[in-house]
Amino acid sequence: MIAKSAALKQLFEEMAQLKEAEKQTFSRVVNKLFQVNYITRKKIADANDYRFILAYKNVFEAYFALADFELMIERHEEVVYIKNESSFNHLRLKKEESILLLIVRMIYQAKMSVVTLDENVEIYLSDIHNELAKVGYLDNKRMTKDKLKPSLQLLKNYNIIDYMDKNLRDDARIKIYPTILFVVNIDNIKDLLDHLDQYLQGGSDNEEIDED
């Protein structure tokens, strides 16, 4: 992370070079990162913001360094996010949210081998129900909509997934963004299953993820 004295100097110099319209875009994108944390070019609505961050990387890095955040750019996966080294602003997930997050990560891992870099991973809601049954969640019962809907909405709010079907029928299509790789940084399926077992067997009720 850039030293704060250097960050302040860099921010002043870089901001002075921006046009007024660029300053307004910068302010909007900064607030967006604080709100959703994860931005990916794979999401059509975020593509221009992703490119703007890359184009003005220095000013973003300086600004976030002053706030004790580090700008993370994962060019291979086309993902940008911010990280707080002091573990501030972490979101505590409920048990059902943690289980759903890990299930989505497992499905994404399995699908990665059959899509190209230019394609998005898309699944059906029924795929999530099937995986929940496979791991023995609630003795193979379906996760009720009362629990499923807010959990899915949470992941959508942080640009981890996206979907259009508000009724969440079994044939609802869900898009999984590569941001999931940096929320759950576990590549090995066995490790993912071991992590799931901790929740299914009455382990920790909460999981921390970076909120901003």
C-alpha atoms as a PDB file:
ATOM      1  CA  MET A   1       0.000   0.000   0.000  1.00  0.00           C
ATOM      2  CA  ILE A   2       1.214   3.521  -0.789  1.00  0.00           C
ATOM      3  CA  ALA A   3       2.492   5.574   2.156  1.00  0.00           C
ATOM      4  CA  LYS A   4      -0.036   8.245   3.119  1.00  0.00           C
ATOM      5  CA  SER A   5       2.314  11.153   2.488  1.00  0.00           C
ATOM      6  CA  ALA A   6       3.045   9.856  -1.018  1.00  0.00           C
ATOM      7  CA  ALA A   7      -0.655   9.077  -1.553  1.00  0.00           C
ATOM      8  CA  LEU A   8      -1.669  12.629  -0.624  1.00  0.00           C
ATOM      9  CA  LYS A   9       0.855  14.116  -3.043  1.00  0.00           C
ATOM     10  CA  GLN A  10      -0.187  11.705  -5.792  1.00  0.00           C
ATOM     11  CA  LEU A  11      -3.888  12.381  -5.242  1.00  0.00           C
ATOM     12  CA  PHE A  12      -3.385  16.145  -5.438  1.00  0.00           C
ATOM     13  CA  GLU A  13      -1.339  15.890  -8.630  1.00  0.00           C
ATOM     14  CA  GLU A  14      -3.646  13.375 -10.335  1.00  0.00           C
ATOM     15  CA  MET A  15      -6.886  15.151  -9.423  1.00  0.00           C
ATOM     16  CA  ALA A  16      -5.529  18.409 -10.825  1.00  0.00           C
ATOM     17  CA  GLN A  17      -5.259  16.728 -14.227  1.00  0.00           C
ATOM     18  CA  LEU A  18      -8.880  15.551 -14.306  1.00  0.00           C
ATOM     19  CA  LYS A  19     -11.622  17.391 -16.122  1.00  0.00           C
ATOM     20  CA  GLU A  20     -14.776  18.229 -14.188  1.00  0.00           C
ATOM     21  CA  ALA A  21     -16.750  15.390 -15.805  1.00  0.00           C
ATOM     22  CA  GLU A  22     -13.982  12.940 -14.921  1.00  0.00           C
ATOM     23  CA  LYS A  23     -13.989  14.153 -11.314  1.00  0.00           C
ATOM     24  CA  GLN A  24     -17.722  13.517 -11.105  1.00  0.00           C
ATOM     25  CA  THR A  25     -17.282  10.017 -12.536  1.00  0.00           C
ATOM     26  CA  PHE A  26     -14.438   9.387 -10.109  1.00  0.00           C
ATOM     27  CA  SER A  27     -16.620  10.393  -7.156  1.00  0.00           C
ATOM     28  CA  ARG A  28     -19.481   8.175  -8.334  1.00  0.00           C
ATOM     29  CA  VAL A  29     -17.237   5.137  -8.854  1.00  0.00           C
ATOM     30  CA  VAL A  30     -15.548   5.600  -5.458  1.00  0.00           C
ATOM     31  CA  ASN A  31     -18.943   5.574  -3.764  1.00  0.00           C
ATOM     32  CA  LYS A  32     -19.957   2.552  -5.805  1.00  0.00           C
ATOM     33  CA  LEU A  33     -16.893   0.639  -4.638  1.00  0.00           C
ATOM     34  CA  PHE A  34     -17.667   1.509  -1.019  1.00  0.00           C
ATOM     35  CA  GLN A  35     -21.220   0.302  -1.563  1.00  0.00           C
ATOM     36  CA  VAL A  36     -20.783  -2.934  -3.550  1.00  0.00           C
ATOM     37  CA  ASN A  37     -17.007  -3.457  -3.253  1.00  0.00           C
ATOM     38  CA  TYR A  38     -16.763  -5.702  -6.317  1.00  0.00           C
ATOM     39  CA  ILE A  39     -16.860  -4.367  -9.883  1.00  0.00           C
ATOM     40  CA  THR A  40     -16.417  -6.601 -12.901  1.00  0.00           C
ATOM     41  CA  ARG A  41     -16.278  -5.977 -16.619  1.00  0.00           C
ATOM     42  CA  LYS A  42     -18.398  -9.123 -17.032  1.00  0.00           C
ATOM     43  CA  LYS A  43     -21.401  -7.157 -15.778  1.00  0.00           C
ATOM     44  CA  ILE A  44     -22.624  -4.953 -18.618  1.00  0.00           C
ATOM     45  CA  ALA A  45     -23.702  -2.134 -16.284  1.00  0.00           C
ATOM     46  CA  ASP A  46     -20.226  -2.047 -14.696  1.00  0.00           C
ATOM     47  CA  ALA A  47     -18.040  -2.419 -17.805  1.00  0.00           C
ATOM     48  CA  ASN A  48     -17.425   1.317 -18.280  1.00  0.00           C
ATOM     49  CA  ASP A  49     -16.677   1.779 -14.575  1.00  0.00           C
ATOM     50  CA  TYR A  50     -14.178  -1.075 -14.705  1.00  0.00           C
ATOM     51  CA  ARG A  51     -12.397   0.545 -17.640  1.00  0.00           C
ATOM     52  CA  PHE A  52     -12.481   3.958 -15.930  1.00  0.00           C
ATOM     53  CA  ILE A  53     -10.756   2.523 -12.841  1.00  0.00           C
ATOM     54  CA  LEU A  54      -8.004   1.006 -14.971  1.00  0.00           C
ATOM     55  CA  ALA A  55      -7.547   4.247 -16.897  1.00  0.00           C
ATOM     56  CA  TYR A  56      -7.234   6.308 -13.687  1.00  0.00           C
ATOM     57  CA  LYS A  57      -5.662   3.666 -11.487  1.00  0.00           C
ATOM     58  CA  ASN A  58      -3.176   6.052  -9.849  1.00  0.00           C
ATOM     59  CA  VAL A  59      -5.786   8.452  -8.498  1.00  0.00           C
ATOM     60  CA  PHE A  60      -7.943   5.595  -7.191  1.00  0.00           C
ATOM     61  CA  GLU A  61      -4.952   3.965  -5.491  1.00  0.00           C
ATOM     62  CA  ALA A  62      -3.985   7.240  -3.824  1.00  0.00           C
ATOM     63  CA  TYR A  63      -7.503   8.000  -2.630  1.00  0.00           C
ATOM     64  CA  PHE A  64      -8.082   4.577  -1.104  1.00  0.00           C
ATOM     65  CA  ALA A  65      -4.625   4.504   0.487  1.00  0.00           C
ATOM     66  CA  LEU A  66      -5.565   7.618   2.464  1.00  0.00           C
ATOM     67  CA  ALA A  67      -8.639   5.740   3.729  1.00  0.00           C
ATOM     68  CA  ASP A  68      -6.541   2.651   4.644  1.00  0.00           C
ATOM     69  CA  PHE A  69      -7.864   0.614   1.734  1.00  0.00           C
ATOM     70  CA  GLU A  70      -5.934  -1.066  -1.054  1.00  0.00           C
ATOM     71  CA  LEU A  71      -7.238  -1.099  -4.622  1.00  0.00           C
ATOM     72  CA  MET A  72      -7.063  -4.645  -5.962  1.00  0.00           C
ATOM     73  CA  ILE A  73      -7.063  -5.136  -9.741  1.00  0.00           C
ATOM     74  CA  GLU A  74      -7.409  -8.703 -10.991  1.00  0.00           C
ATOM     75  CA  ARG A  75      -6.929  -8.180 -14.719  1.00  0.00           C
ATOM     76  CA  HIS A  76      -7.105 -11.852 -15.666  1.00  0.00           C
ATOM     77  CA  GLU A  77     -10.573 -12.185 -14.146  1.00  0.00           C
ATOM     78  CA  GLU A  78     -11.509  -8.567 -15.002  1.00  0.00           C
ATOM     79  CA  VAL A  79     -12.428  -7.771 -11.410  1.00  0.00           C
ATOM     80  CA  VAL A  80     -11.684  -4.721  -9.259  1.00  0.00           C
ATOM     81  CA  TYR A  81     -12.302  -4.470  -5.522  1.00  0.00           C
ATOM     82  CA  ILE A  82     -11.003  -2.741  -2.417  1.00  0.00           C
ATOM     83  CA  LYS A  83      -9.473  -4.420   0.597  1.00  0.00           C
ATOM     84  CA  ASN A  84      -8.961  -3.147   4.123  1.00  0.00           C
ATOM     85  CA  GLU A  85      -5.828  -4.612   5.686  1.00  0.00           C
ATOM     86  CA  SER A  86      -7.089  -3.871   9.208  1.00  0.00           C
ATOM     87  CA  SER A  87     -10.211  -6.014   8.700  1.00  0.00           C
ATOM     88  CA  PHE A  88     -12.562  -3.070   9.155  1.00  0.00           C
ATOM     89  CA  ASN A  89     -15.935  -2.945   7.378  1.00  0.00           C
ATOM     90  CA  HIS A  90     -16.384  -6.701   7.167  1.00  0.00           C
ATOM     91  CA  LEU A  91     -19.874  -8.067   6.733  1.00  0.00           C
ATOM     92  CA  ARG A  92     -21.037 -10.814   9.086  1.00  0.00           C
ATOM     93  CA  LEU A  93     -23.014 -13.434   7.204  1.00  0.00           C
ATOM     94  CA  LYS A  94     -25.751 -15.585   8.667  1.00  0.00           C
ATOM     95  CA  LYS A  95     -25.317 -19.347   8.551  1.00  0.00           C
ATOM     96  CA  GLU A  96     -27.684 -19.786   5.593  1.00  0.00           C
ATOM     97  CA  GLU A  97     -25.899 -16.989   3.704  1.00  0.00           C
ATOM     98  CA  SER A  98     -22.525 -18.608   4.311  1.00  0.00           C
ATOM     99  CA  ILE A  99     -23.773 -21.995   3.098  1.00  0.00           C
ATOM    100  CA  LEU A 100     -25.316 -20.461  -0.015  1.00  0.00           C
ATOM    101  CA  LEU A 101     -22.128 -18.533  -0.757  1.00  0.00           C
ATOM    102  CA  LEU A 102     -20.038 -21.707  -0.574  1.00  0.00           C
ATOM    103  CA  ILE A 103     -22.536 -23.627  -2.709  1.00  0.00           C
ATOM    104  CA  VAL A 104     -22.390 -20.910  -5.385  1.00  0.00           C
ATOM    105  CA  ARG A 105     -18.574 -21.028  -5.222  1.00  0.00           C
ATOM    106  CA  MET A 106     -18.608 -24.806  -5.690  1.00  0.00           C
ATOM    107  CA  ILE A 107     -20.904 -24.566  -8.707  1.00  0.00           C
ATOM    108  CA  TYR A 108     -18.742 -21.826 -10.217  1.00  0.00           C
ATOM    109  CA  GLN A 109     -15.618 -23.959  -9.755  1.00  0.00           C
ATOM    110  CA  ALA A 110     -17.280 -26.889 -11.524  1.00  0.00           C
ATOM    111  CA  LYS A 111     -18.501 -24.714 -14.408  1.00  0.00           C
ATOM    112  CA  MET A 112     -15.203 -22.908 -14.990  1.00  0.00           C
ATOM    113  CA  SER A 113     -13.788 -25.816 -16.966  1.00  0.00           C
ATOM    114  CA  VAL A 114     -16.560 -25.674 -19.586  1.00  0.00           C
ATOM    115  CA  VAL A 115     -16.739 -21.929 -20.316  1.00  0.00           C
ATOM    116  CA  THR A 116     -14.326 -19.639 -22.131  1.00  0.00           C
ATOM    117  CA  LEU A 117     -12.867 -16.437 -20.721  1.00  0.00           C
ATOM    118  CA  ASP A 118     -15.427 -14.395 -22.657  1.00  0.00           C
ATOM    119  CA  GLU A 119     -18.414 -16.323 -21.321  1.00  0.00           C
ATOM    120  CA  ASN A 120     -20.305 -15.895 -18.097  1.00  0.00           C
ATOM    121  CA  VAL A 121     -21.151 -18.776 -15.796  1.00  0.00           C
ATOM    122  CA  GLU A 122     -24.929 -19.169 -15.774  1.00  0.00           C
ATOM    123  CA  ILE A 123     -26.943 -21.708 -13.802  1.00  0.00           C
ATOM    124  CA  TYR A 124     -30.544 -22.420 -12.838  1.00  0.00           C
ATOM    125  CA  LEU A 125     -31.888 -21.969  -9.335  1.00  0.00           C
ATOM    126  CA  SER A 126     -32.617 -25.702  -9.382  1.00  0.00           C
ATOM    127  CA  ASP A 127     -28.837 -26.294  -9.564  1.00  0.00           C
ATOM    128  CA  ILE A 128     -28.485 -24.592  -6.180  1.00  0.00           C
ATOM    129  CA  HIS A 129     -31.272 -26.720  -4.692  1.00  0.00           C
ATOM    130  CA  ASN A 130     -29.621 -29.853  -6.084  1.00  0.00           C
ATOM    131  CA  GLU A 131     -26.237 -28.984  -4.558  1.00  0.00           C
ATOM    132  CA  LEU A 132     -27.848 -28.173  -1.209  1.00  0.00           C
ATOM    133  CA  ALA A 133     -29.456 -31.614  -1.295  1.00  0.00           C
ATOM    134  CA  LYS A 134     -26.155 -33.303  -2.197  1.00  0.00           C
ATOM    135  CA  VAL A 135     -24.350 -31.844   0.809  1.00  0.00           C
ATOM    136  CA  GLY A 136     -27.222 -32.812   3.126  1.00  0.00           C
ATOM    137  CA  TYR A 137     -28.476 -29.344   3.997  1.00  0.00           C
ATOM    138  CA  LEU A 138     -31.546 -29.699   6.244  1.00  0.00           C
ATOM    139  CA  ASP A 139     -31.767 -33.425   5.484  1.00  0.00           C
ATOM    140  CA  ASN A 140     -32.236 -32.770   1.756  1.00  0.00           C
ATOM    141  CA  LYS A 141     -35.186 -30.403   2.274  1.00  0.00           C
ATOM    142  CA  ARG A 142     -35.404 -27.324   0.094  1.00  0.00           C
ATOM    143  CA  MET A 143     -34.182 -24.027   1.449  1.00  0.00           C
ATOM    144  CA  THR A 144     -37.354 -21.996   1.914  1.00  0.00           C
ATOM    145  CA  LYS A 145     -37.868 -18.831  -0.106  1.00  0.00           C
ATOM    146  CA  ASP A 146     -37.967 -16.843   3.128  1.00  0.00           C
ATOM    147  CA  LYS A 147     -34.303 -17.731   3.662  1.00  0.00           C
ATOM    148  CA  LEU A 148     -33.226 -18.114   0.058  1.00  0.00           C
ATOM    149  CA  LYS A 149     -34.505 -14.822  -1.326  1.00  0.00           C
ATOM    150  CA  PRO A 150     -32.682 -12.443   1.066  1.00  0.00           C
ATOM    151  CA  SER A 151     -29.522 -14.542   0.796  1.00  0.00           C
ATOM    152  CA  LEU A 152     -29.547 -14.362  -2.999  1.00  0.00           C
ATOM    153  CA  GLN A 153     -30.345 -10.641  -2.856  1.00  0.00           C
ATOM    154  CA  LEU A 154     -27.326 -10.096  -0.601  1.00  0.00           C
ATOM    155  CA  LEU A 155     -25.022 -11.780  -3.118  1.00  0.00           C
ATOM    156  CA  LYS A 156     -26.605  -9.737  -5.893  1.00  0.00           C
ATOM    157  CA  ASN A 157     -26.056  -6.506  -3.969  1.00  0.00           C
ATOM    158  CA  TYR A 158     -22.317  -7.182  -3.882  1.00  0.00           C
ATOM    159  CA  ASN A 159     -22.032  -8.057  -7.593  1.00  0.00           C
ATOM    160  CA  ILE A 160     -21.384 -11.720  -6.867  1.00  0.00           C
ATOM    161  CA  ILE A 161     -24.423 -12.989  -8.761  1.00  0.00           C
ATOM    162  CA  ASP A 162     -27.227 -11.531 -10.865  1.00  0.00           C
ATOM    163  CA  TYR A 163     -30.732 -12.660 -11.772  1.00  0.00           C
ATOM    164  CA  MET A 164     -33.917 -11.210 -13.259  1.00  0.00           C
ATOM    165  CA  ASP A 165     -36.656 -13.559 -11.996  1.00  0.00           C
ATOM    166  CA  LYS A 166     -38.022 -11.932  -8.842  1.00  0.00           C
ATOM    167  CA  ASN A 167     -40.253 -14.943  -8.164  1.00  0.00           C
ATOM    168  CA  LEU A 168     -37.210 -17.239  -8.004  1.00  0.00           C
ATOM    169  CA  ARG A 169     -38.759 -20.221  -9.720  1.00  0.00           C
ATOM    170  CA  ASP A 170     -36.666 -23.351 -10.246  1.00  0.00           C
ATOM    171  CA  ASP A 171     -35.956 -22.381 -13.856  1.00  0.00           C
ATOM    172  CA  ALA A 172     -34.739 -18.901 -12.867  1.00  0.00           C
ATOM    173  CA  ARG A 173     -31.375 -18.216 -14.493  1.00  0.00           C
ATOM    174  CA  ILE A 174     -28.606 -16.971 -12.220  1.00  0.00           C
ATOM    175  CA  LYS A 175     -25.384 -15.448 -13.507  1.00  0.00           C
ATOM    176  CA  ILE A 176     -22.291 -15.951 -11.350  1.00  0.00           C
ATOM    177  CA  TYR A 177     -19.602 -13.309 -11.723  1.00  0.00           C
ATOM    178  CA  PRO A 178     -15.862 -14.016 -11.275  1.00  0.00           C
ATOM    179  CA  THR A 179     -15.976 -11.771  -8.201  1.00  0.00           C
ATOM    180  CA  ILE A 180     -16.906 -14.973  -6.318  1.00  0.00           C
ATOM    181  CA  LEU A 181     -13.263 -16.034  -6.637  1.00  0.00           C
ATOM    182  CA  PHE A 182     -12.165 -13.189  -4.373  1.00  0.00           C
ATOM    183  CA  VAL A 183     -14.995 -13.521  -1.871  1.00  0.00           C
ATOM    184  CA  VAL A 184     -14.316 -17.220  -1.294  1.00  0.00           C
ATOM    185  CA  ASN A 185     -10.642 -17.715  -2.070  1.00  0.00           C
ATOM    186  CA  ILE A 186     -10.724 -21.522  -2.064  1.00  0.00           C
ATOM    187  CA  ASP A 187      -9.936 -23.383  -5.289  1.00  0.00           C
ATOM    188  CA  ASN A 188      -9.959 -26.969  -4.079  1.00  0.00           C
ATOM    189  CA  ILE A 189     -13.373 -28.652  -4.077  1.00  0.00           C
ATOM    190  CA  LYS A 190     -12.412 -30.803  -1.086  1.00  0.00           C
ATOM    191  CA  ASP A 191     -11.530 -27.704   0.929  1.00  0.00           C
ATOM    192  CA  LEU A 192     -14.860 -26.150  -0.037  1.00  0.00           C
ATOM    193  CA  LEU A 193     -16.683 -29.281   1.127  1.00  0.00           C
ATOM    194  CA  ASP A 194     -14.727 -29.286   4.396  1.00  0.00           C
ATOM    195  CA  HIS A 195     -15.684 -25.660   4.945  1.00  0.00           C
ATOM    196  CA  LEU A 196     -19.322 -26.495   4.243  1.00  0.00           C
ATOM    197  CA  ASP A 197     -19.212 -29.366   6.745  1.00  0.00           C
ATOM    198  CA  GLN A 198     -18.276 -26.931   9.503  1.00  0.00           C
ATOM    199  CA  TYR A 199     -21.587 -25.129   9.004  1.00  0.00           C
ATOM    200  CA  LEU A 200     -23.687 -28.219   8.361  1.00  0.00           C
ATOM    201  CA  GLN A 201     -22.405 -29.864  11.532  1.00  0.00           C
ATOM    202  CA  GLY A 202     -23.217 -26.865  13.703  1.00  0.00           C
ATOM    203  CA  GLY A 203     -19.983 -24.940  13.417  1.00  0.00           C
ATOM    204  CA  SER A 204     -19.616 -21.187  13.253  1.00  0.00           C
ATOM    205  CA  ASP A 205     -22.862 -19.308  12.683  1.00  0.00           C
ATOM    206  CA  ASN A 206     -21.185 -16.410  10.956  1.00  0.00           C
ATOM    207  CA  GLU A 207     -18.706 -15.806   8.185  1.00  0.00           C
ATOM    208  CA  GLU A 208     -16.857 -12.576   7.418  1.00  0.00           C
ATOM    209  CA  ILE A 209     -16.548 -11.106   3.940  1.00  0.00           C
ATOM    210  CA  ASP A 210     -15.190  -7.739   2.834  1.00  0.00           C
ATOM    211  CA  GLU A 211     -18.056  -5.256   2.802  1.00  0.00           C
ATOM    212  CA  ASP A 212     -15.897  -2.439   1.457  1.00  0.00           C
END
